[in-house]
Amino acid sequence: MASTKKQQVQQLLAAAVAACEDKKAEDIRILALDPSESGLTDYFLICTGLSDRQNVAITDEIEIRLKREFGTYPNSVEGRRQGDWILMDYVDFIVHVFSAEKRAYYGLERLRKNATVLSIKDLNAEIKSAIAAGRKKAPTAAQKKPIAKKKAASPVASKKTVAPRKAPAKKSPAKKAIVAKKAPVAKKAPAAKKAASKSTQTKSSKPVAAKKAAAKKSPAKKS
């Protein structure tokens, strides 16, 4: 049985013992059973009532207290109608509430010779030591805070890194549109220059042709 589970069982058992004391049960004993002898449960809680009504009252108080304080119910309850031997099965421990005659007749203490008898003081001492050991192993609040801050900061950092990547994609189409508009203007310029150069060539060629014609005609007049 793990230490935490054992601690819970002992707390339930201590509450059951307190309920027995409140209802004036007599000769309360706790038996820690040997695992080799009993694989069904770990503890026996045995007590005696002076009458059948008192035995029923003891079991009722145990059931109410464990339900109220721990939310635990017995797996089964037997013998409540007769009242001379009432058995309450809480799996990890079993409560036996006897009349004096039935307890002497069945002698559970004699049958469980290898069981260890625990007093209420011993049980409470074990519970306190288990609680103290659990507090030493538990992490402090100062150790938990830095872990929570690191986890909270991680999603914020991821959002900041994603934002700059989307901005350049929006500007790229605008640049392409500007280049496409300027391209036709550059193509028209060479055509205008060629037309101008042709016109200048034609103008300059006419005086030259006239001069050549005049030069050819001038010798004929002199002869």
C-alpha atoms as a PDB file:
ATOM      1  CA  MET A   1       0.000   0.000   0.000  1.00  0.00           C
ATOM      2  CA  ALA A   2       1.442   3.377  -1.073  1.00  0.00           C
ATOM      3  CA  SER A   3       2.286   5.936   1.585  1.00  0.00           C
ATOM      4  CA  THR A   4      -0.390   8.423   0.495  1.00  0.00           C
ATOM      5  CA  LYS A   5      -3.064   5.744   0.369  1.00  0.00           C
ATOM      6  CA  LYS A   6      -1.956   4.376   3.724  1.00  0.00           C
ATOM      7  CA  GLN A   7      -2.238   7.846   5.207  1.00  0.00           C
ATOM      8  CA  GLN A   8      -5.806   8.213   3.874  1.00  0.00           C
ATOM      9  CA  VAL A   9      -6.804   4.800   5.269  1.00  0.00           C
ATOM     10  CA  GLN A  10      -5.365   5.679   8.661  1.00  0.00           C
ATOM     11  CA  GLN A  11      -7.307   8.949   8.720  1.00  0.00           C
ATOM     12  CA  LEU A  12     -10.536   7.107   7.950  1.00  0.00           C
ATOM     13  CA  LEU A  13      -9.729   4.569  10.635  1.00  0.00           C
ATOM     14  CA  ALA A  14      -9.023   7.301  13.195  1.00  0.00           C
ATOM     15  CA  ALA A  15     -12.381   8.936  12.411  1.00  0.00           C
ATOM     16  CA  ALA A  16     -14.131   5.561  12.877  1.00  0.00           C
ATOM     17  CA  VAL A  17     -12.419   5.127  16.253  1.00  0.00           C
ATOM     18  CA  ALA A  18     -13.566   8.604  17.305  1.00  0.00           C
ATOM     19  CA  ALA A  19     -17.142   7.687  16.348  1.00  0.00           C
ATOM     20  CA  CYS A  20     -16.924   4.543  18.491  1.00  0.00           C
ATOM     21  CA  GLU A  21     -15.703   6.591  21.442  1.00  0.00           C
ATOM     22  CA  ASP A  22     -18.524   9.120  21.036  1.00  0.00           C
ATOM     23  CA  LYS A  23     -21.096   6.305  21.262  1.00  0.00           C
ATOM     24  CA  LYS A  24     -19.439   4.806  24.366  1.00  0.00           C
ATOM     25  CA  ALA A  25     -18.127   1.623  22.754  1.00  0.00           C
ATOM     26  CA  GLU A  26     -15.948  -0.539  24.966  1.00  0.00           C
ATOM     27  CA  ASP A  27     -12.643  -2.365  24.477  1.00  0.00           C
ATOM     28  CA  ILE A  28     -11.756  -0.651  21.175  1.00  0.00           C
ATOM     29  CA  ARG A  29      -8.877  -2.376  19.377  1.00  0.00           C
ATOM     30  CA  ILE A  30      -7.117  -1.864  16.056  1.00  0.00           C
ATOM     31  CA  LEU A  31      -5.428  -4.852  14.418  1.00  0.00           C
ATOM     32  CA  ALA A  32      -2.886  -4.266  11.634  1.00  0.00           C
ATOM     33  CA  LEU A  33      -3.177  -7.529   9.725  1.00  0.00           C
ATOM     34  CA  ASP A  34      -0.290  -9.480   8.268  1.00  0.00           C
ATOM     35  CA  PRO A  35      -0.499  -9.280   4.421  1.00  0.00           C
ATOM     36  CA  SER A  36       0.388 -12.979   4.176  1.00  0.00           C
ATOM     37  CA  GLU A  37      -2.716 -13.901   6.194  1.00  0.00           C
ATOM     38  CA  SER A  38      -5.222 -11.472   4.752  1.00  0.00           C
ATOM     39  CA  GLY A  39      -5.147 -10.131   1.217  1.00  0.00           C
ATOM     40  CA  LEU A  40      -8.621  -8.597   1.448  1.00  0.00           C
ATOM     41  CA  THR A  41      -8.075  -5.817   3.972  1.00  0.00           C
ATOM     42  CA  ASP A  42      -5.323  -4.134   6.021  1.00  0.00           C
ATOM     43  CA  TYR A  43      -6.971  -3.366   9.383  1.00  0.00           C
ATOM     44  CA  PHE A  44      -9.637  -4.685  11.719  1.00  0.00           C
ATOM     45  CA  LEU A  45     -11.420  -2.260  14.046  1.00  0.00           C
ATOM     46  CA  ILE A  46     -13.087  -4.219  16.844  1.00  0.00           C
ATOM     47  CA  CYS A  47     -15.281  -2.875  19.635  1.00  0.00           C
ATOM     48  CA  THR A  48     -18.073  -3.996  21.964  1.00  0.00           C
ATOM     49  CA  GLY A  49     -21.510  -2.520  22.664  1.00  0.00           C
ATOM     50  CA  LEU A  50     -23.666  -3.140  25.738  1.00  0.00           C
ATOM     51  CA  SER A  51     -26.833  -3.798  23.710  1.00  0.00           C
ATOM     52  CA  ASP A  52     -28.026  -4.371  20.179  1.00  0.00           C
ATOM     53  CA  ARG A  53     -29.350  -0.805  19.980  1.00  0.00           C
ATOM     54  CA  GLN A  54     -26.019   0.598  21.017  1.00  0.00           C
ATOM     55  CA  ASN A  55     -24.274  -1.513  18.374  1.00  0.00           C
ATOM     56  CA  VAL A  56     -26.587  -0.089  15.705  1.00  0.00           C
ATOM     57  CA  ALA A  57     -25.979   3.445  17.018  1.00  0.00           C
ATOM     58  CA  ILE A  58     -22.205   2.896  16.844  1.00  0.00           C
ATOM     59  CA  THR A  59     -22.336   1.742  13.227  1.00  0.00           C
ATOM     60  CA  ASP A  60     -24.675   4.581  12.267  1.00  0.00           C
ATOM     61  CA  GLU A  61     -22.287   7.133  13.753  1.00  0.00           C
ATOM     62  CA  ILE A  62     -19.303   5.624  11.907  1.00  0.00           C
ATOM     63  CA  GLU A  63     -21.164   5.688   8.599  1.00  0.00           C
ATOM     64  CA  ILE A  64     -22.401   9.273   9.034  1.00  0.00           C
ATOM     65  CA  ARG A  65     -19.014  10.633  10.104  1.00  0.00           C
ATOM     66  CA  LEU A  66     -17.014   9.046   7.285  1.00  0.00           C
ATOM     67  CA  LYS A  67     -19.619  10.161   4.769  1.00  0.00           C
ATOM     68  CA  ARG A  68     -19.638  13.760   6.077  1.00  0.00           C
ATOM     69  CA  GLU A  69     -15.901  14.223   6.535  1.00  0.00           C
ATOM     70  CA  PHE A  70     -14.463  12.122   3.677  1.00  0.00           C
ATOM     71  CA  GLY A  71     -17.344  11.299   1.337  1.00  0.00           C
ATOM     72  CA  THR A  72     -16.701   7.577   1.919  1.00  0.00           C
ATOM     73  CA  TYR A  73     -19.396   4.917   2.101  1.00  0.00           C
ATOM     74  CA  PRO A  74     -19.073   1.311   3.272  1.00  0.00           C
ATOM     75  CA  ASN A  75     -18.866  -1.284   0.549  1.00  0.00           C
ATOM     76  CA  SER A  76     -21.339  -3.434   2.510  1.00  0.00           C
ATOM     77  CA  VAL A  77     -22.947  -3.658   5.949  1.00  0.00           C
ATOM     78  CA  GLU A  78     -24.039  -6.982   7.457  1.00  0.00           C
ATOM     79  CA  GLY A  79     -25.862  -7.964  10.656  1.00  0.00           C
ATOM     80  CA  ARG A  80     -27.572  -4.648  11.339  1.00  0.00           C
ATOM     81  CA  ARG A  81     -30.968  -6.260  11.842  1.00  0.00           C
ATOM     82  CA  GLN A  82     -29.767  -8.710  14.494  1.00  0.00           C
ATOM     83  CA  GLY A  83     -27.408  -6.167  16.096  1.00  0.00           C
ATOM     84  CA  ASP A  84     -25.242  -8.666  18.002  1.00  0.00           C
ATOM     85  CA  TRP A  85     -22.449  -8.615  15.373  1.00  0.00           C
ATOM     86  CA  ILE A  86     -22.425  -5.849  12.787  1.00  0.00           C
ATOM     87  CA  LEU A  87     -19.735  -5.900  10.113  1.00  0.00           C
ATOM     88  CA  MET A  88     -18.895  -2.785   8.018  1.00  0.00           C
ATOM     89  CA  ASP A  89     -16.625  -3.357   5.023  1.00  0.00           C
ATOM     90  CA  TYR A  90     -14.617  -0.280   3.943  1.00  0.00           C
ATOM     91  CA  VAL A  91     -12.331  -2.423   1.732  1.00  0.00           C
ATOM     92  CA  ASP A  92      -9.041  -1.264   3.307  1.00  0.00           C
ATOM     93  CA  PHE A  93     -10.373  -1.834   6.811  1.00  0.00           C
ATOM     94  CA  ILE A  94     -13.305  -3.697   8.335  1.00  0.00           C
ATOM     95  CA  VAL A  95     -15.268  -2.638  11.425  1.00  0.00           C
ATOM     96  CA  HIS A  96     -16.615  -5.335  13.769  1.00  0.00           C
ATOM     97  CA  VAL A  97     -19.116  -4.191  16.390  1.00  0.00           C
ATOM     98  CA  PHE A  98     -19.847  -7.094  18.758  1.00  0.00           C
ATOM     99  CA  SER A  99     -21.982  -7.845  21.707  1.00  0.00           C
ATOM    100  CA  ALA A 100     -19.875  -9.165  24.604  1.00  0.00           C
ATOM    101  CA  GLU A 101     -21.105 -12.779  24.096  1.00  0.00           C
ATOM    102  CA  LYS A 102     -20.460 -12.860  20.337  1.00  0.00           C
ATOM    103  CA  ARG A 103     -17.019 -11.279  20.691  1.00  0.00           C
ATOM    104  CA  ALA A 104     -15.943 -13.902  23.232  1.00  0.00           C
ATOM    105  CA  TYR A 105     -17.401 -16.694  21.119  1.00  0.00           C
ATOM    106  CA  TYR A 106     -15.728 -15.839  17.794  1.00  0.00           C
ATOM    107  CA  GLY A 107     -12.477 -14.494  19.244  1.00  0.00           C
ATOM    108  CA  LEU A 108     -11.102 -12.612  16.243  1.00  0.00           C
ATOM    109  CA  GLU A 109      -8.075 -11.484  18.252  1.00  0.00           C
ATOM    110  CA  ARG A 110      -7.136 -15.115  18.892  1.00  0.00           C
ATOM    111  CA  LEU A 111      -7.551 -16.064  15.232  1.00  0.00           C
ATOM    112  CA  ARG A 112      -5.265 -13.231  14.066  1.00  0.00           C
ATOM    113  CA  LYS A 113      -2.189 -14.061  16.136  1.00  0.00           C
ATOM    114  CA  ASN A 114       0.268 -12.475  13.705  1.00  0.00           C
ATOM    115  CA  ALA A 115      -1.646  -9.199  13.639  1.00  0.00           C
ATOM    116  CA  THR A 116      -0.125  -6.133  15.324  1.00  0.00           C
ATOM    117  CA  VAL A 117      -2.311  -4.463  17.946  1.00  0.00           C
ATOM    118  CA  LEU A 118      -2.316  -0.667  17.586  1.00  0.00           C
ATOM    119  CA  SER A 119      -3.533   1.756  20.189  1.00  0.00           C
ATOM    120  CA  ILE A 120      -5.284   4.975  19.228  1.00  0.00           C
ATOM    121  CA  LYS A 121      -2.172   6.926  20.259  1.00  0.00           C
ATOM    122  CA  ASP A 122       0.007   4.821  17.969  1.00  0.00           C
ATOM    123  CA  LEU A 123      -2.384   5.391  15.075  1.00  0.00           C
ATOM    124  CA  ASN A 124      -2.466   9.156  15.587  1.00  0.00           C
ATOM    125  CA  ALA A 125       1.343   9.242  15.856  1.00  0.00           C
ATOM    126  CA  GLU A 126       1.673   7.442  12.508  1.00  0.00           C
ATOM    127  CA  ILE A 127      -0.747   9.876  10.876  1.00  0.00           C
ATOM    128  CA  LYS A 128       1.193  12.897  12.161  1.00  0.00           C
ATOM    129  CA  SER A 129       4.530  11.523  10.993  1.00  0.00           C
ATOM    130  CA  ALA A 130       3.100  10.756   7.537  1.00  0.00           C
ATOM    131  CA  ILE A 131       1.705  14.289   7.230  1.00  0.00           C
ATOM    132  CA  ALA A 132       5.045  15.822   8.275  1.00  0.00           C
ATOM    133  CA  ALA A 133       6.913  13.711   5.715  1.00  0.00           C
ATOM    134  CA  GLY A 134       4.471  14.743   2.983  1.00  0.00           C
ATOM    135  CA  ARG A 135       4.958  18.452   3.726  1.00  0.00           C
ATOM    136  CA  LYS A 136       8.733  18.167   3.334  1.00  0.00           C
ATOM    137  CA  LYS A 137       8.383  16.576  -0.110  1.00  0.00           C
ATOM    138  CA  ALA A 138       5.773  19.050  -1.345  1.00  0.00           C
ATOM    139  CA  PRO A 139       7.172  21.966  -3.465  1.00  0.00           C
ATOM    140  CA  THR A 140       7.009  25.456  -2.011  1.00  0.00           C
ATOM    141  CA  ALA A 141       4.953  28.274  -3.531  1.00  0.00           C
ATOM    142  CA  ALA A 142       8.118  30.173  -4.571  1.00  0.00           C
ATOM    143  CA  GLN A 143       9.206  27.259  -6.749  1.00  0.00           C
ATOM    144  CA  LYS A 144       5.862  27.069  -8.552  1.00  0.00           C
ATOM    145  CA  LYS A 145       5.584  30.785  -9.550  1.00  0.00           C
ATOM    146  CA  PRO A 146       8.502  31.006 -12.065  1.00  0.00           C
ATOM    147  CA  ILE A 147       7.152  27.981 -13.933  1.00  0.00           C
ATOM    148  CA  ALA A 148       3.756  29.622 -14.352  1.00  0.00           C
ATOM    149  CA  LYS A 149       5.318  32.880 -15.675  1.00  0.00           C
ATOM    150  CA  LYS A 150       7.378  31.097 -18.311  1.00  0.00           C
ATOM    151  CA  LYS A 151       4.374  29.246 -19.630  1.00  0.00           C
ATOM    152  CA  ALA A 152       2.306  32.438 -19.846  1.00  0.00           C
ATOM    153  CA  ALA A 153       5.027  34.344 -21.771  1.00  0.00           C
ATOM    154  CA  SER A 154       5.475  31.769 -24.546  1.00  0.00           C
ATOM    155  CA  PRO A 155       2.258  32.468 -26.558  1.00  0.00           C
ATOM    156  CA  VAL A 156       2.878  36.255 -26.527  1.00  0.00           C
ATOM    157  CA  ALA A 157       6.346  35.807 -27.987  1.00  0.00           C
ATOM    158  CA  SER A 158       5.023  33.607 -30.782  1.00  0.00           C
ATOM    159  CA  LYS A 159       2.438  36.245 -31.824  1.00  0.00           C
ATOM    160  CA  LYS A 160       5.092  38.973 -32.157  1.00  0.00           C
ATOM    161  CA  THR A 161       7.281  36.918 -34.460  1.00  0.00           C
ATOM    162  CA  VAL A 162       4.422  36.130 -36.855  1.00  0.00           C
ATOM    163  CA  ALA A 163       3.299  39.757 -37.429  1.00  0.00           C
ATOM    164  CA  PRO A 164       6.392  41.173 -39.339  1.00  0.00           C
ATOM    165  CA  ARG A 165       6.288  38.348 -41.907  1.00  0.00           C
ATOM    166  CA  LYS A 166       2.872  39.408 -43.293  1.00  0.00           C
ATOM    167  CA  ALA A 167       3.779  43.116 -43.939  1.00  0.00           C
ATOM    168  CA  PRO A 168       6.221  42.747 -46.940  1.00  0.00           C
ATOM    169  CA  ALA A 169       3.741  40.562 -48.871  1.00  0.00           C
ATOM    170  CA  LYS A 170       1.211  43.462 -49.129  1.00  0.00           C
ATOM    171  CA  LYS A 171       3.713  46.003 -50.615  1.00  0.00           C
ATOM    172  CA  SER A 172       5.074  43.801 -53.420  1.00  0.00           C
ATOM    173  CA  PRO A 173       2.028  44.069 -55.818  1.00  0.00           C
ATOM    174  CA  ALA A 174       2.170  47.893 -55.770  1.00  0.00           C
ATOM    175  CA  LYS A 175       5.735  47.958 -57.105  1.00  0.00           C
ATOM    176  CA  LYS A 176       4.860  45.646 -59.993  1.00  0.00           C
ATOM    177  CA  ALA A 177       1.982  47.889 -61.051  1.00  0.00           C
ATOM    178  CA  ILE A 178       4.273  50.961 -61.246  1.00  0.00           C
ATOM    179  CA  VAL A 179       6.792  49.158 -63.440  1.00  0.00           C
ATOM    180  CA  ALA A 180       4.042  47.988 -65.788  1.00  0.00           C
ATOM    181  CA  LYS A 181       2.786  51.584 -66.347  1.00  0.00           C
ATOM    182  CA  LYS A 182       6.237  53.034 -67.073  1.00  0.00           C
ATOM    183  CA  ALA A 183       7.171  50.346 -69.626  1.00  0.00           C
ATOM    184  CA  PRO A 184       4.952  51.608 -72.516  1.00  0.00           C
ATOM    185  CA  VAL A 185       6.295  55.187 -72.163  1.00  0.00           C
ATOM    186  CA  ALA A 186       9.851  53.971 -72.623  1.00  0.00           C
ATOM    187  CA  LYS A 187       8.892  52.110 -75.827  1.00  0.00           C
ATOM    188  CA  LYS A 188       7.267  55.145 -77.496  1.00  0.00           C
ATOM    189  CA  ALA A 189      10.346  57.365 -77.102  1.00  0.00           C
ATOM    190  CA  PRO A 190      12.562  55.578 -79.694  1.00  0.00           C
ATOM    191  CA  ALA A 191       9.801  55.790 -82.364  1.00  0.00           C
ATOM    192  CA  ALA A 192       9.517  59.544 -81.958  1.00  0.00           C
ATOM    193  CA  LYS A 193      13.274  59.969 -82.151  1.00  0.00           C
ATOM    194  CA  LYS A 194      13.449  57.877 -85.377  1.00  0.00           C
ATOM    195  CA  ALA A 195      10.729  59.959 -86.998  1.00  0.00           C
ATOM    196  CA  ALA A 196      12.549  63.141 -86.042  1.00  0.00           C
ATOM    197  CA  SER A 197      15.845  61.828 -87.387  1.00  0.00           C
ATOM    198  CA  LYS A 198      14.206  60.861 -90.696  1.00  0.00           C
ATOM    199  CA  SER A 199      12.694  64.305 -91.089  1.00  0.00           C
ATOM    200  CA  THR A 200      16.047  65.979 -90.478  1.00  0.00           C
ATOM    201  CA  GLN A 201      17.706  63.688 -92.970  1.00  0.00           C
ATOM    202  CA  THR A 202      15.172  64.475 -95.660  1.00  0.00           C
ATOM    203  CA  LYS A 203      15.507  68.221 -95.085  1.00  0.00           C
ATOM    204  CA  SER A 204      19.278  68.133 -95.179  1.00  0.00           C
ATOM    205  CA  SER A 205      19.356  65.951 -98.295  1.00  0.00           C
ATOM    206  CA  LYS A 206      17.327  68.399-100.443  1.00  0.00           C
ATOM    207  CA  PRO A 207      19.868  71.292-100.415  1.00  0.00           C
ATOM    208  CA  VAL A 208      22.654  68.873-101.143  1.00  0.00           C
ATOM    209  CA  ALA A 209      20.808  67.489-104.156  1.00  0.00           C
ATOM    210  CA  ALA A 210      20.084  71.021-105.389  1.00  0.00           C
ATOM    211  CA  LYS A 211      23.716  71.967-105.089  1.00  0.00           C
ATOM    212  CA  LYS A 212      24.789  68.900-107.034  1.00  0.00           C
ATOM    213  CA  ALA A 213      22.301  69.685-109.780  1.00  0.00           C
ATOM    214  CA  ALA A 214      23.529  73.262-109.991  1.00  0.00           C
ATOM    215  CA  ALA A 215      27.118  72.111-110.188  1.00  0.00           C
ATOM    216  CA  LYS A 216      26.348  69.854-113.109  1.00  0.00           C
ATOM    217  CA  LYS A 217      24.509  72.554-115.042  1.00  0.00           C
ATOM    218  CA  SER A 218      27.111  75.311-114.588  1.00  0.00           C
ATOM    219  CA  PRO A 219      29.754  73.916-117.017  1.00  0.00           C
ATOM    220  CA  ALA A 220      27.250  73.797-119.902  1.00  0.00           C
ATOM    221  CA  LYS A 221      26.593  77.510-119.726  1.00  0.00           C
ATOM    222  CA  LYS A 222      30.269  78.385-119.977  1.00  0.00           C
ATOM    223  CA  SER A 223      30.775  76.418-123.178  1.00  0.00           C
END
